[in-house]
Amino acid sequence: MDMLIFEVGLAVALITLVGFISTKLRFSVIPFYILVGMAVGPHAPHFWIIDLRFIESSMFIDFMGRLGILFLLFYLGLEFSVARLLKSGKAILVGGSFYVGLNFVSGLLLGWMMDLPLKETLVVCGIMTSSSTAIVAKVLVDLKRTANPETELIMGMIMFDDLFIAVHISILTGLVLSGATSLGGVVLISLSALLFIVVFLIIGRKVIKYLDIALNIQSSELFLLMVMTMLFLVAGFSETLHVAEAIGALMIGLVLGESAHVKRIEHHILPFRDFFGAVFFFGFGLTIEPATLGGAVGMALIAVVLTIIGNLLAGAIAGRLSGVSPRASLNVGFTLVSRGEFSIIMANIGKAGGLMPAIQSFAVLYVLILAVLGPLLTKESKSIYLLYQKLKTRFKREKKEKQKDTR
C-alpha cells in the first residue's frame, strides 16, 4: 500500500508537535526539529500504519529538505545588502573580520588536534564559523533587544559572516563535490565558482530594472510563479557549474533584494522558508544514528569552548571599535554564539562528498549544544557580566591586601 502521503503527514505532525513544545519552553526550535528526527528513523518502532522509520518517504523528505536549503538561502539573499554592510562602518568590517578569523582558526586548530584530513578540516571550519542568523534574530526579538545600541553591530557582523559563508560554501563545493583530485583542478573549479558569483551579481544589477517590469503584475499566482521560476532555474543552473544550488539560490536572492518588489517577494516566500526549512532540520535528524554520537562528544565540547572564547574576543574587539560599553560587548559575543542552519548545510556538503561520518555526528552535537546554550548565555549576559565585575573587584582587593602584607 502506498503510504507516502501518510508518512509525510506523520513527519509534519512530529515537526508541529515539537514546534509547540519549543514555543512553550521559549527555546530555539532548531534543536527540537533535529532531535525529533533523530528519535525516529530506521531504529524507530513500527506498529499498524504508524511507521516512524519513514522508509518509504525518506527520499521525498530528503528532497523537501533540499528545497528548505534553497528557501533559507534565497530569503537570506533578499534581506542581505552588501552596500549596507559597507556603509555600516569600520567596527562591523573589522569586528566581522575578527569574528570570522577567530572562529575559522578555531576550526583549523580543532582539525589539527583531531588529526583530520584537509577536506574534513575545512568543513569543520565552516561549521564553526557560521552563526545562526535565524536564532540570533529570534533571540533579539524575544529578549526585546532590537533597540539596544549593540544590535546594529550584531546584525552587521552576522551579515559579514553570511557573506564569508557564501564564499566558503562555493570553495567547499569545488573541493568536496566536484571530484577534482589535483590542486590545480580544485583551484580552477573554486575560482570558476567565485567568478560565477561575481559575474552573476554584476549582470543582476544591470537587469534588475527589467525584472522589476516583469514582476509588475497584479496576480499573486503569476507573481509567485515568476519568482519560483527564477529561483529554481538559477539554483539548478549553478549546479551544472559545480556551484552549490544553495549558492545559486543566494545569488538570485541578492539580485532580487535590490528589487522594488522585495517586500512582496518576502511575503510570498516566508511560508515556504518556514515549512521546508523545518523539514530540512527534521530530515537531517533522520540521517543521524544516535548510537554513533558518542564518539564525537569530546570533539564537540572542545569546539564549543573554542567558539565561546573566540566569540567573546571578537565581541570585545568590535565593541571597543564601535564605542559601546563592556557589557554591550559581552552581549555581542554571547548573542553570536548560536549555531544552526548554515552549520548543518556545511555538514551536508561533507556528507554529499563522502567525507568521514564523524563530521555529521560532530555537527549534530555542536549545533544542539550551541543552539541551546547561545540563547541562554544571551539571556543571562547581564548576570554573567555582574558576576565578572564582582570577581574582578574581589581579585583587585585581595591583590592590594596581599601587597600590603608583603610590605
Protein backbone atom coordinates (compact mmCIF):
# COMPACT_ATOMS: atom_id res chain seq x y z
CA MET A 1 0.00 0.00 0.00
CA ASP A 2 1.27 3.48 -0.92
CA MET A 3 1.85 5.26 2.41
CA LEU A 4 3.95 8.16 1.13
CA ILE A 5 1.43 10.91 1.87
CA PHE A 6 0.56 9.44 5.26
CA GLU A 7 4.24 9.21 6.25
CA VAL A 8 4.81 12.82 5.21
CA GLY A 9 1.78 13.74 7.32
CA LEU A 10 3.36 11.93 10.30
CA ALA A 11 6.61 13.83 9.78
CA VAL A 12 4.82 17.18 9.65
CA ALA A 13 2.80 16.24 12.75
CA LEU A 14 6.01 15.50 14.68
CA ILE A 15 7.56 18.76 13.49
CA THR A 16 4.44 20.67 14.58
CA LEU A 17 4.39 18.97 17.98
CA VAL A 18 7.97 19.90 18.85
CA GLY A 19 7.30 23.38 17.48
CA PHE A 20 4.60 23.80 20.12
CA ILE A 21 6.93 22.42 22.81
CA SER A 22 9.78 24.78 21.89
CA THR A 23 7.39 27.74 21.91
CA LYS A 24 6.18 26.83 25.41
CA LEU A 25 9.76 26.48 26.64
CA ARG A 26 10.83 29.67 24.80
CA PHE A 27 13.77 27.90 23.18
CA SER A 28 15.06 27.92 19.63
CA VAL A 29 13.06 25.38 17.63
CA ILE A 30 16.01 24.19 15.51
CA PRO A 31 17.45 21.67 18.04
CA PHE A 32 13.93 20.30 18.62
CA TYR A 33 13.48 19.61 14.89
CA ILE A 34 16.82 17.78 14.78
CA LEU A 35 16.14 15.82 17.98
CA VAL A 36 12.72 14.55 16.88
CA GLY A 37 14.29 13.46 13.58
CA MET A 38 16.95 11.56 15.50
CA ALA A 39 14.32 9.98 17.76
CA VAL A 40 12.60 8.32 14.81
CA GLY A 41 14.08 6.91 11.60
CA PRO A 42 15.36 3.37 10.85
CA HIS A 43 15.69 2.43 14.54
CA ALA A 44 12.14 3.58 15.46
CA PRO A 45 9.18 1.24 16.14
CA HIS A 46 6.58 0.22 13.58
CA PHE A 47 3.01 -0.57 14.56
CA TRP A 48 -0.12 -0.81 12.39
CA ILE A 49 0.04 2.00 9.79
CA ILE A 50 2.23 4.16 12.04
CA ASP A 51 5.71 3.62 10.60
CA LEU A 52 8.14 6.00 12.26
CA ARG A 53 11.02 4.56 10.27
CA PHE A 54 9.99 6.74 7.28
CA ILE A 55 11.40 4.17 4.87
CA GLU A 56 9.00 4.84 2.01
CA SER A 57 9.13 8.63 2.35
CA SER A 58 12.82 9.13 3.18
CA MET A 59 13.83 10.19 -0.34
CA PHE A 60 10.87 12.58 -0.59
CA ILE A 61 11.64 14.11 2.82
CA ASP A 62 15.27 14.48 1.73
CA PHE A 63 14.13 16.34 -1.41
CA MET A 64 11.88 18.60 0.66
CA GLY A 65 14.92 19.30 2.85
CA ARG A 66 16.85 20.36 -0.25
CA LEU A 67 14.05 22.79 -1.01
CA GLY A 68 14.37 24.03 2.57
CA ILE A 69 18.02 24.94 1.97
CA LEU A 70 17.08 26.80 -1.23
CA PHE A 71 14.40 28.85 0.50
CA LEU A 72 16.62 29.57 3.53
CA LEU A 73 19.44 30.91 1.34
CA PHE A 74 17.08 32.70 -1.06
CA TYR A 75 15.38 34.54 1.81
CA LEU A 76 18.78 35.41 3.30
CA GLY A 77 19.76 36.95 -0.04
CA LEU A 78 16.60 39.04 -0.06
CA GLU A 79 17.49 40.54 3.32
CA PHE A 80 21.22 40.89 2.67
CA SER A 81 22.78 44.10 1.36
CA VAL A 82 26.48 44.36 0.58
CA ALA A 83 26.09 48.12 0.12
CA ARG A 84 24.54 48.44 3.59
CA LEU A 85 27.37 46.36 5.07
CA LEU A 86 29.99 48.66 3.53
CA LYS A 87 28.16 51.70 4.89
CA SER A 88 27.92 50.22 8.39
CA GLY A 89 31.38 51.34 9.34
CA LYS A 90 34.78 50.19 10.44
CA ALA A 91 33.54 48.46 13.60
CA ILE A 92 31.42 45.95 11.68
CA LEU A 93 34.02 45.28 8.99
CA VAL A 94 36.91 44.89 11.44
CA GLY A 95 34.79 43.16 14.10
CA GLY A 96 33.29 40.84 11.48
CA SER A 97 36.76 40.04 10.15
CA PHE A 98 37.97 39.16 13.65
CA TYR A 99 34.82 37.12 14.26
CA VAL A 100 35.28 35.10 11.06
CA GLY A 101 39.05 34.84 11.52
CA LEU A 102 38.98 33.68 15.15
CA ASN A 103 36.28 31.07 14.51
CA PHE A 104 37.96 29.84 11.32
CA VAL A 105 41.29 29.49 13.12
CA SER A 106 39.46 27.62 15.90
CA GLY A 107 38.26 25.16 13.23
CA LEU A 108 41.80 24.75 11.92
CA LEU A 109 43.05 24.19 15.47
CA LEU A 110 40.36 21.59 16.13
CA GLY A 111 41.14 19.82 12.85
CA TRP A 112 44.83 19.70 13.82
CA MET A 113 44.05 18.43 17.33
CA MET A 114 41.78 15.69 15.94
CA ASP A 115 44.22 14.88 13.09
CA LEU A 116 41.51 15.39 10.43
CA PRO A 117 42.25 15.37 6.68
CA LEU A 118 42.21 18.71 4.82
CA LYS A 119 38.69 18.41 3.39
CA GLU A 120 37.18 17.42 6.73
CA THR A 121 39.07 20.25 8.46
CA LEU A 122 37.70 22.85 6.03
CA VAL A 123 34.16 21.55 6.55
CA VAL A 124 34.68 21.81 10.33
CA CYS A 125 35.94 25.38 9.84
CA GLY A 126 32.71 26.21 8.01
CA ILE A 127 30.59 24.55 10.71
CA MET A 128 32.33 26.53 13.45
CA THR A 129 32.36 29.87 11.62
CA SER A 130 28.70 30.08 10.61
CA SER A 131 26.49 31.69 13.24
CA SER A 132 22.73 31.10 13.02
CA THR A 133 21.01 34.17 11.58
CA ALA A 134 17.59 32.68 12.39
CA ILE A 135 18.36 32.01 16.07
CA VAL A 136 20.16 35.33 16.61
CA ALA A 137 17.29 37.33 15.11
CA LYS A 138 14.72 35.41 17.17
CA VAL A 139 16.67 35.85 20.42
CA LEU A 140 16.99 39.61 19.88
CA VAL A 141 13.25 39.90 19.32
CA ASP A 142 12.30 37.61 22.24
CA LEU A 143 14.57 39.48 24.67
CA LYS A 144 13.34 42.86 23.35
CA ARG A 145 16.89 43.95 22.49
CA THR A 146 16.25 45.15 18.92
CA ALA A 147 16.63 48.78 20.04
CA ASN A 148 19.86 48.17 22.01
CA PRO A 149 22.93 50.09 20.79
CA GLU A 150 24.86 46.87 20.10
CA THR A 151 22.12 45.26 17.99
CA GLU A 152 23.14 47.05 14.77
CA LEU A 153 26.69 45.82 15.39
CA ILE A 154 25.47 42.24 15.92
CA MET A 155 23.40 42.20 12.73
CA GLY A 156 26.24 43.80 10.78
CA MET A 157 28.67 41.11 11.93
CA ILE A 158 26.09 38.45 11.05
CA MET A 159 25.86 39.92 7.54
CA PHE A 160 29.65 39.85 7.23
CA ASP A 161 29.70 36.24 8.42
CA ASP A 162 26.97 35.27 5.94
CA LEU A 163 29.00 36.82 3.11
CA PHE A 164 32.04 34.80 4.13
CA ILE A 165 29.97 31.60 4.40
CA ALA A 166 28.66 32.12 0.85
CA VAL A 167 32.24 32.27 -0.45
CA HIS A 168 33.31 29.33 1.73
CA ILE A 169 30.42 27.17 0.50
CA SER A 170 31.43 27.86 -3.11
CA ILE A 171 35.04 26.86 -2.37
CA LEU A 172 33.95 23.74 -0.46
CA THR A 173 31.75 22.79 -3.39
CA GLY A 174 34.76 22.89 -5.71
CA LEU A 175 36.92 20.99 -3.23
CA VAL A 176 34.50 18.38 -1.89
CA LEU A 177 31.78 17.83 -4.50
CA SER A 178 33.50 18.36 -7.86
CA GLY A 179 35.58 15.20 -7.81
CA ALA A 180 38.73 17.16 -8.62
CA THR A 181 41.84 15.49 -7.21
CA SER A 182 44.71 17.74 -8.25
CA LEU A 183 45.41 21.08 -6.61
CA GLY A 184 45.11 22.81 -9.99
CA GLY A 185 41.71 21.23 -10.62
CA VAL A 186 40.41 22.27 -7.22
CA VAL A 187 41.69 25.85 -7.63
CA LEU A 188 40.20 26.08 -11.12
CA ILE A 189 36.76 24.90 -10.01
CA SER A 190 36.81 27.12 -6.92
CA LEU A 191 37.80 30.15 -8.99
CA SER A 192 35.10 29.37 -11.53
CA ALA A 193 32.57 29.25 -8.68
CA LEU A 194 33.73 32.64 -7.37
CA LEU A 195 33.71 34.02 -10.93
CA PHE A 196 30.13 32.84 -11.33
CA ILE A 197 29.13 34.71 -8.15
CA VAL A 198 30.84 37.96 -9.22
CA VAL A 199 29.57 37.86 -12.81
CA PHE A 200 26.04 36.93 -11.73
CA LEU A 201 25.89 39.85 -9.28
CA ILE A 202 27.22 42.31 -11.89
CA ILE A 203 24.70 41.14 -14.51
CA GLY A 204 21.95 41.05 -11.89
CA ARG A 205 22.46 44.72 -11.04
CA LYS A 206 22.19 45.56 -14.73
CA VAL A 207 18.96 43.64 -15.38
CA ILE A 208 17.10 44.27 -12.11
CA LYS A 209 15.12 47.14 -13.67
CA TYR A 210 13.85 44.77 -16.36
CA LEU A 211 13.00 42.14 -13.73
CA ASP A 212 11.02 44.80 -11.87
CA ILE A 213 8.99 45.43 -15.01
CA ALA A 214 8.39 41.69 -15.46
CA LEU A 215 7.29 41.36 -11.81
CA ASN A 216 4.94 44.30 -12.00
CA ILE A 217 1.83 42.09 -12.20
CA GLN A 218 -1.27 42.12 -10.01
CA SER A 219 -1.95 38.38 -9.97
CA SER A 220 -0.43 36.84 -6.82
CA GLU A 221 -0.35 33.44 -8.52
CA LEU A 222 1.63 34.65 -11.54
CA PHE A 223 3.90 36.74 -9.33
CA LEU A 224 4.79 33.73 -7.19
CA LEU A 225 5.30 31.55 -10.27
CA MET A 226 7.70 34.13 -11.72
CA VAL A 227 9.74 34.24 -8.52
CA MET A 228 9.81 30.43 -8.21
CA THR A 229 10.88 30.12 -11.86
CA MET A 230 13.88 32.37 -11.29
CA LEU A 231 14.80 30.63 -8.03
CA PHE A 232 14.76 27.07 -9.37
CA LEU A 233 16.31 27.85 -12.76
CA VAL A 234 19.23 29.77 -11.26
CA ALA A 235 19.78 27.26 -8.43
CA GLY A 236 19.63 24.34 -10.88
CA PHE A 237 21.90 26.03 -13.44
CA SER A 238 24.51 26.87 -10.81
CA GLU A 239 24.86 23.16 -10.03
CA THR A 240 25.92 22.49 -13.62
CA LEU A 241 28.88 24.83 -13.00
CA HIS A 242 29.91 22.91 -9.82
CA VAL A 243 28.47 25.74 -7.70
CA ALA A 244 26.20 24.55 -4.88
CA GLU A 245 22.49 25.00 -5.67
CA ALA A 246 22.22 26.85 -2.34
CA ILE A 247 24.66 29.49 -3.64
CA GLY A 248 22.57 29.88 -6.79
CA ALA A 249 19.54 30.47 -4.55
CA LEU A 250 21.51 33.02 -2.52
CA MET A 251 22.66 34.82 -5.68
CA ILE A 252 19.17 35.27 -7.13
CA GLY A 253 18.05 36.37 -3.66
CA LEU A 254 20.78 39.02 -3.61
CA VAL A 255 19.72 40.28 -7.03
CA LEU A 256 16.01 40.41 -6.16
CA GLY A 257 16.92 42.01 -2.83
CA GLU A 258 17.51 45.20 -4.84
CA SER A 259 14.08 44.92 -6.48
CA ALA A 260 11.25 47.36 -5.91
CA HIS A 261 9.10 44.28 -5.19
CA VAL A 262 11.35 42.83 -2.47
CA LYS A 263 8.77 43.18 0.33
CA ARG A 264 6.15 41.42 -1.76
CA ILE A 265 8.60 38.63 -2.60
CA GLU A 266 9.49 38.17 1.09
CA HIS A 267 5.80 38.00 1.99
CA HIS A 268 5.20 35.19 -0.52
CA ILE A 269 8.40 33.24 0.24
CA LEU A 270 8.33 33.35 4.05
CA PRO A 271 5.81 30.45 4.49
CA PHE A 272 7.86 28.26 2.13
CA ARG A 273 11.06 29.09 4.05
CA ASP A 274 9.48 28.22 7.40
CA PHE A 275 7.81 24.98 6.24
CA PHE A 276 10.57 23.49 4.10
CA GLY A 277 13.25 24.79 6.49
CA ALA A 278 11.61 22.83 9.32
CA VAL A 279 11.55 19.71 7.13
CA PHE A 280 15.24 20.26 6.35
CA PHE A 281 16.26 20.09 10.01
CA PHE A 282 13.94 17.14 10.64
CA GLY A 283 15.38 15.31 7.62
CA PHE A 284 18.91 15.98 8.85
CA GLY A 285 17.99 14.40 12.17
CA LEU A 286 16.64 11.34 10.33
CA THR A 287 20.10 10.69 8.86
CA ILE A 288 21.75 10.54 12.30
CA GLU A 289 22.04 7.29 14.22
CA PRO A 290 22.06 8.31 17.92
CA ALA A 291 24.35 5.42 18.81
CA THR A 292 27.13 6.97 16.70
CA LEU A 293 27.16 10.30 18.53
CA GLY A 294 29.23 9.14 21.49
CA GLY A 295 32.49 9.26 19.56
CA ALA A 296 32.03 12.95 18.74
CA VAL A 297 31.33 14.21 22.29
CA GLY A 298 34.90 15.22 23.09
CA MET A 299 35.39 16.94 19.75
CA ALA A 300 32.09 18.83 20.10
CA LEU A 301 32.84 20.01 23.66
CA ILE A 302 36.28 21.30 22.64
CA ALA A 303 34.69 23.10 19.70
CA VAL A 304 32.06 24.69 21.97
CA VAL A 305 34.74 26.05 24.31
CA LEU A 306 36.83 27.39 21.40
CA THR A 307 33.72 29.03 19.89
CA ILE A 308 32.70 30.79 23.09
CA ILE A 309 36.25 32.10 23.66
CA GLY A 310 36.58 33.25 20.04
CA ASN A 311 33.19 34.96 20.07
CA LEU A 312 33.89 36.81 23.31
CA LEU A 313 37.20 38.09 21.91
CA ALA A 314 35.53 39.17 18.65
CA GLY A 315 32.72 40.85 20.58
CA ALA A 316 35.19 42.72 22.78
CA ILE A 317 37.17 43.97 19.76
CA ALA A 318 34.06 45.01 17.82
CA GLY A 319 32.53 46.62 20.90
CA ARG A 320 35.65 48.69 21.61
CA LEU A 321 35.85 49.87 17.99
CA SER A 322 32.17 50.88 17.96
CA GLY A 323 32.38 52.59 21.36
CA VAL A 324 29.73 50.51 23.16
CA SER A 325 30.07 49.52 26.83
CA PRO A 326 31.89 46.36 28.00
CA ARG A 327 28.54 44.88 28.98
CA ALA A 328 27.19 45.51 25.46
CA SER A 329 30.37 43.92 24.04
CA LEU A 330 29.64 40.83 26.13
CA ASN A 331 26.12 40.79 24.64
CA VAL A 332 27.65 40.84 21.15
CA GLY A 333 29.88 37.85 21.88
CA PHE A 334 27.18 35.74 23.56
CA THR A 335 24.47 36.56 21.00
CA LEU A 336 26.65 35.35 18.11
CA VAL A 337 27.42 32.02 19.83
CA SER A 338 24.33 30.21 18.47
CA ARG A 339 24.86 27.79 15.61
CA GLY A 340 22.16 26.34 13.37
CA GLU A 341 21.13 26.25 9.73
CA PHE A 342 24.44 27.03 8.00
CA SER A 343 26.44 24.62 10.16
CA ILE A 344 24.04 21.86 9.10
CA ILE A 345 24.38 22.90 5.44
CA MET A 346 28.16 22.60 5.80
CA ALA A 347 27.78 19.13 7.33
CA ASN A 348 25.53 18.12 4.41
CA ILE A 349 28.24 19.16 1.95
CA GLY A 350 30.62 16.85 3.79
CA LYS A 351 28.07 14.04 3.65
CA ALA A 352 27.43 14.55 -0.07
CA GLY A 353 31.19 14.46 -0.67
CA GLY A 354 31.57 11.13 1.15
CA LEU A 355 33.69 12.56 3.96
CA MET A 356 34.09 10.96 7.39
CA PRO A 357 30.70 10.17 9.04
CA ALA A 358 32.13 11.57 12.29
CA ILE A 359 31.71 15.06 10.80
CA GLN A 360 27.94 14.57 10.74
CA SER A 361 27.91 13.41 14.36
CA PHE A 362 30.13 16.31 15.39
CA ALA A 363 27.86 18.82 13.63
CA VAL A 364 24.76 17.44 15.37
CA LEU A 365 26.21 17.69 18.88
CA TYR A 366 27.90 21.03 18.23
CA VAL A 367 24.72 22.63 16.84
CA LEU A 368 22.49 21.12 19.53
CA ILE A 369 24.72 22.40 22.35
CA LEU A 370 25.16 25.92 20.98
CA ALA A 371 21.57 26.28 19.73
CA VAL A 372 20.52 25.79 23.37
CA LEU A 373 23.50 27.40 25.13
CA GLY A 374 23.64 30.50 22.89
CA PRO A 375 20.17 31.87 23.79
CA LEU A 376 20.74 31.01 27.46
CA LEU A 377 24.06 32.87 27.61
CA THR A 378 22.48 35.83 25.79
CA LYS A 379 19.56 35.92 28.22
CA GLU A 380 21.85 35.76 31.28
CA SER A 381 24.55 38.08 29.90
CA LYS A 382 23.71 40.79 32.46
CA SER A 383 24.09 38.36 35.39
CA ILE A 384 27.30 36.99 33.93
CA TYR A 385 28.71 40.49 33.49
CA LEU A 386 27.81 41.47 37.08
CA LEU A 387 29.42 38.27 38.36
CA TYR A 388 32.54 39.06 36.33
CA GLN A 389 32.69 42.58 37.75
CA LYS A 390 32.21 41.25 41.29
CA LEU A 391 35.02 38.71 40.88
CA LYS A 392 37.25 41.33 39.27
CA THR A 393 36.72 43.75 42.17
CA ARG A 394 37.33 40.99 44.69
CA PHE A 395 40.54 39.94 42.94
CA LYS A 396 41.84 43.53 42.92
CA ARG A 397 41.02 43.95 46.63
CA GLU A 398 42.79 40.71 47.56
CA LYS A 399 45.76 41.71 45.46
CA LYS A 400 46.05 45.05 47.27
CA GLU A 401 45.77 43.34 50.66
CA LYS A 402 48.44 40.88 49.69
CA GLN A 403 50.74 43.72 48.62
CA LYS A 404 50.19 45.46 51.99
CA ASP A 405 51.06 42.25 53.87
CA THR A 406 54.32 41.82 51.95
CA ARG A 407 55.37 45.30 52.98
